[in-house]
C-alpha atoms as a PDB file:
ATOM      1  CA  UNK A   1       0.000   0.000   0.000  1.00  0.00           C
ATOM      2  CA  UNK A   2       2.880   2.377   0.739  1.00  0.00           C
ATOM      3  CA  UNK A   3       4.286   1.851  -2.769  1.00  0.00           C
ATOM      4  CA  UNK A   4       0.950   2.882  -4.267  1.00  0.00           C
ATOM      5  CA  UNK A   5       0.780   5.919  -2.011  1.00  0.00           C
ATOM      6  CA  UNK A   6       4.332   6.973  -2.885  1.00  0.00           C
ATOM      7  CA  UNK A   7       3.631   6.516  -6.598  1.00  0.00           C
ATOM      8  CA  UNK A   8       0.407   8.507  -6.320  1.00  0.00           C
ATOM      9  CA  UNK A   9       2.166  11.331  -4.457  1.00  0.00           C
ATOM     10  CA  UNK A  10       4.938  11.450  -7.053  1.00  0.00           C
ATOM     11  CA  UNK A  11       2.444  11.493  -9.929  1.00  0.00           C
ATOM     12  CA  UNK A  12       0.338  14.229  -8.343  1.00  0.00           C
ATOM     13  CA  UNK A  13       3.469  16.271  -7.614  1.00  0.00           C
ATOM     14  CA  UNK A  14       4.488  16.005 -11.265  1.00  0.00           C
ATOM     15  CA  UNK A  15       0.996  16.987 -12.422  1.00  0.00           C
ATOM     16  CA  UNK A  16       0.970  20.015 -10.122  1.00  0.00           C
ATOM     17  CA  UNK A  17       4.436  21.072 -11.301  1.00  0.00           C
ATOM     18  CA  UNK A  18       3.235  20.962 -14.903  1.00  0.00           C
ATOM     19  CA  UNK A  19       0.045  22.869 -14.055  1.00  0.00           C
ATOM     20  CA  UNK A  20       1.998  25.577 -12.246  1.00  0.00           C
ATOM     21  CA  UNK A  21       4.486  25.823 -15.120  1.00  0.00           C
ATOM     22  CA  UNK A  22       1.709  26.154 -17.710  1.00  0.00           C
ATOM     23  CA  UNK A  23      -0.762  28.314 -15.802  1.00  0.00           C
ATOM     24  CA  UNK A  24       1.644  30.296 -13.633  1.00  0.00           C
ATOM     25  CA  UNK A  25       0.094  32.474 -10.971  1.00  0.00           C
ATOM     26  CA  UNK A  26      -3.420  31.777 -12.252  1.00  0.00           C
ATOM     27  CA  UNK A  27      -3.386  28.117 -11.215  1.00  0.00           C
ATOM     28  CA  UNK A  28      -5.965  28.707  -8.445  1.00  0.00           C
ATOM     29  CA  UNK A  29      -8.491  29.779 -11.105  1.00  0.00           C
ATOM     30  CA  UNK A  30      -7.878  26.566 -13.021  1.00  0.00           C
ATOM     31  CA  UNK A  31      -8.251  24.574  -9.801  1.00  0.00           C
ATOM     32  CA  UNK A  32     -11.713  26.073  -9.427  1.00  0.00           C
ATOM     33  CA  UNK A  33     -12.412  25.235 -13.073  1.00  0.00           C
ATOM     34  CA  UNK A  34     -11.409  21.603 -12.437  1.00  0.00           C
ATOM     35  CA  UNK A  35     -13.744  21.436  -9.438  1.00  0.00           C
ATOM     36  CA  UNK A  36     -16.585  22.860 -11.523  1.00  0.00           C
ATOM     37  CA  UNK A  37     -15.887  20.265 -14.236  1.00  0.00           C
ATOM     38  CA  UNK A  38     -16.056  17.487 -11.652  1.00  0.00           C
ATOM     39  CA  UNK A  39     -19.242  18.922 -10.176  1.00  0.00           C
ATOM     40  CA  UNK A  40     -20.787  19.116 -13.660  1.00  0.00           C
ATOM     41  CA  UNK A  41     -19.867  15.492 -14.336  1.00  0.00           C
ATOM     42  CA  UNK A  42     -21.271  14.325 -10.986  1.00  0.00           C
ATOM     43  CA  UNK A  43     -24.569  16.184 -11.386  1.00  0.00           C
ATOM     44  CA  UNK A  44     -24.967  14.836 -14.938  1.00  0.00           C
ATOM     45  CA  UNK A  45     -24.261  11.311 -13.757  1.00  0.00           C
ATOM     46  CA  UNK A  46     -26.701  11.706 -10.851  1.00  0.00           C
ATOM     47  CA  UNK A  47     -29.455  13.042 -13.113  1.00  0.00           C
ATOM     48  CA  UNK A  48     -28.980  10.225 -15.641  1.00  0.00           C
ATOM     49  CA  UNK A  49     -29.019   7.656 -12.850  1.00  0.00           C
ATOM     50  CA  UNK A  50     -32.221   9.072 -11.333  1.00  0.00           C
ATOM     51  CA  UNK A  51     -33.930   9.057 -14.742  1.00  0.00           C
ATOM     52  CA  UNK A  52     -32.517   5.551 -15.421  1.00  0.00           C
ATOM     53  CA  UNK A  53     -30.919   6.820 -18.626  1.00  0.00           C
ATOM     54  CA  UNK A  54     -27.255   6.028 -17.976  1.00  0.00           C
ATOM     55  CA  UNK A  55     -25.370   5.815 -21.262  1.00  0.00           C
ATOM     56  CA  UNK A  56     -21.666   5.241 -21.811  1.00  0.00           C
ATOM     57  CA  UNK A  57     -21.952   6.870 -25.229  1.00  0.00           C
ATOM     58  CA  UNK A  58     -23.404  10.117 -23.832  1.00  0.00           C
ATOM     59  CA  UNK A  59     -20.904  10.110 -20.954  1.00  0.00           C
ATOM     60  CA  UNK A  60     -18.006   9.637 -23.358  1.00  0.00           C
ATOM     61  CA  UNK A  61     -19.211  12.543 -25.502  1.00  0.00           C
ATOM     62  CA  UNK A  62     -19.272  14.735 -22.385  1.00  0.00           C
ATOM     63  CA  UNK A  63     -15.734  13.752 -21.403  1.00  0.00           C
ATOM     64  CA  UNK A  64     -14.450  14.445 -24.923  1.00  0.00           C
ATOM     65  CA  UNK A  65     -16.143  17.863 -24.859  1.00  0.00           C
ATOM     66  CA  UNK A  66     -14.544  18.728 -21.513  1.00  0.00           C
ATOM     67  CA  UNK A  67     -11.111  17.586 -22.742  1.00  0.00           C
ATOM     68  CA  UNK A  68     -11.574  19.828 -25.763  1.00  0.00           C
ATOM     69  CA  UNK A  69     -12.300  22.771 -23.479  1.00  0.00           C
ATOM     70  CA  UNK A  70      -9.139  22.037 -21.485  1.00  0.00           C
ATOM     71  CA  UNK A  71      -6.984  21.715 -24.588  1.00  0.00           C
ATOM     72  CA  UNK A  72      -8.235  25.094 -25.815  1.00  0.00           C
ATOM     73  CA  UNK A  73      -7.572  26.699 -22.432  1.00  0.00           C
ATOM     74  CA  UNK A  74      -4.035  25.299 -22.265  1.00  0.00           C
ATOM     75  CA  UNK A  75      -3.282  26.448 -25.815  1.00  0.00           C
ATOM     76  CA  UNK A  76      -4.661  29.918 -25.102  1.00  0.00           C
ATOM     77  CA  UNK A  77      -2.674  30.227 -21.888  1.00  0.00           C
ATOM     78  CA  UNK A  78       0.530  29.077 -23.578  1.00  0.00           C
ATOM     79  CA  UNK A  79       0.063  31.737 -26.273  1.00  0.00           C
ATOM     80  CA  UNK A  80      -0.448  34.414 -23.627  1.00  0.00           C
ATOM     81  CA  UNK A  81       2.730  33.340 -21.848  1.00  0.00           C
ATOM     82  CA  UNK A  82       4.737  33.409 -25.068  1.00  0.00           C
ATOM     83  CA  UNK A  83       5.176  29.679 -25.521  1.00  0.00           C
ATOM     84  CA  UNK A  84       5.165  29.100 -29.270  1.00  0.00           C
ATOM     85  CA  UNK A  85       5.255  25.346 -28.939  1.00  0.00           C
ATOM     86  CA  UNK A  86       5.424  22.628 -26.305  1.00  0.00           C
ATOM     87  CA  UNK A  87       9.139  22.097 -26.866  1.00  0.00           C
ATOM     88  CA  UNK A  88       9.935  25.642 -25.729  1.00  0.00           C
ATOM     89  CA  UNK A  89       7.860  25.005 -22.606  1.00  0.00           C
ATOM     90  CA  UNK A  90       9.754  21.814 -21.793  1.00  0.00           C
ATOM     91  CA  UNK A  91      13.215  23.254 -22.504  1.00  0.00           C
ATOM     92  CA  UNK A  92      12.690  26.455 -20.489  1.00  0.00           C
ATOM     93  CA  UNK A  93      15.249  26.868 -17.730  1.00  0.00           C
ATOM     94  CA  UNK A  94      13.878  28.201 -14.425  1.00  0.00           C
ATOM     95  CA  UNK A  95      15.648  31.307 -13.199  1.00  0.00           C
END
């Protein structure tokens, strides 16, 4: 169990480092956006379950739509920060 916990902590640390690098000082706004995405997913799932209309196809379409929103937000933020491509983001030296 400790190996799983250590792996999870390392993965989440890496994810947070990437988020902070991409979103900079605005990362708290994107944290709120993530929470709202999760809340939207949960309320949609709850509604479909109550109406007995659960559908993997509809759920998948919703996930793809949300991923599209996130991709657009990341691309827009990278343009604002002057990152012309992902390679320049990865090769940037912190100073």
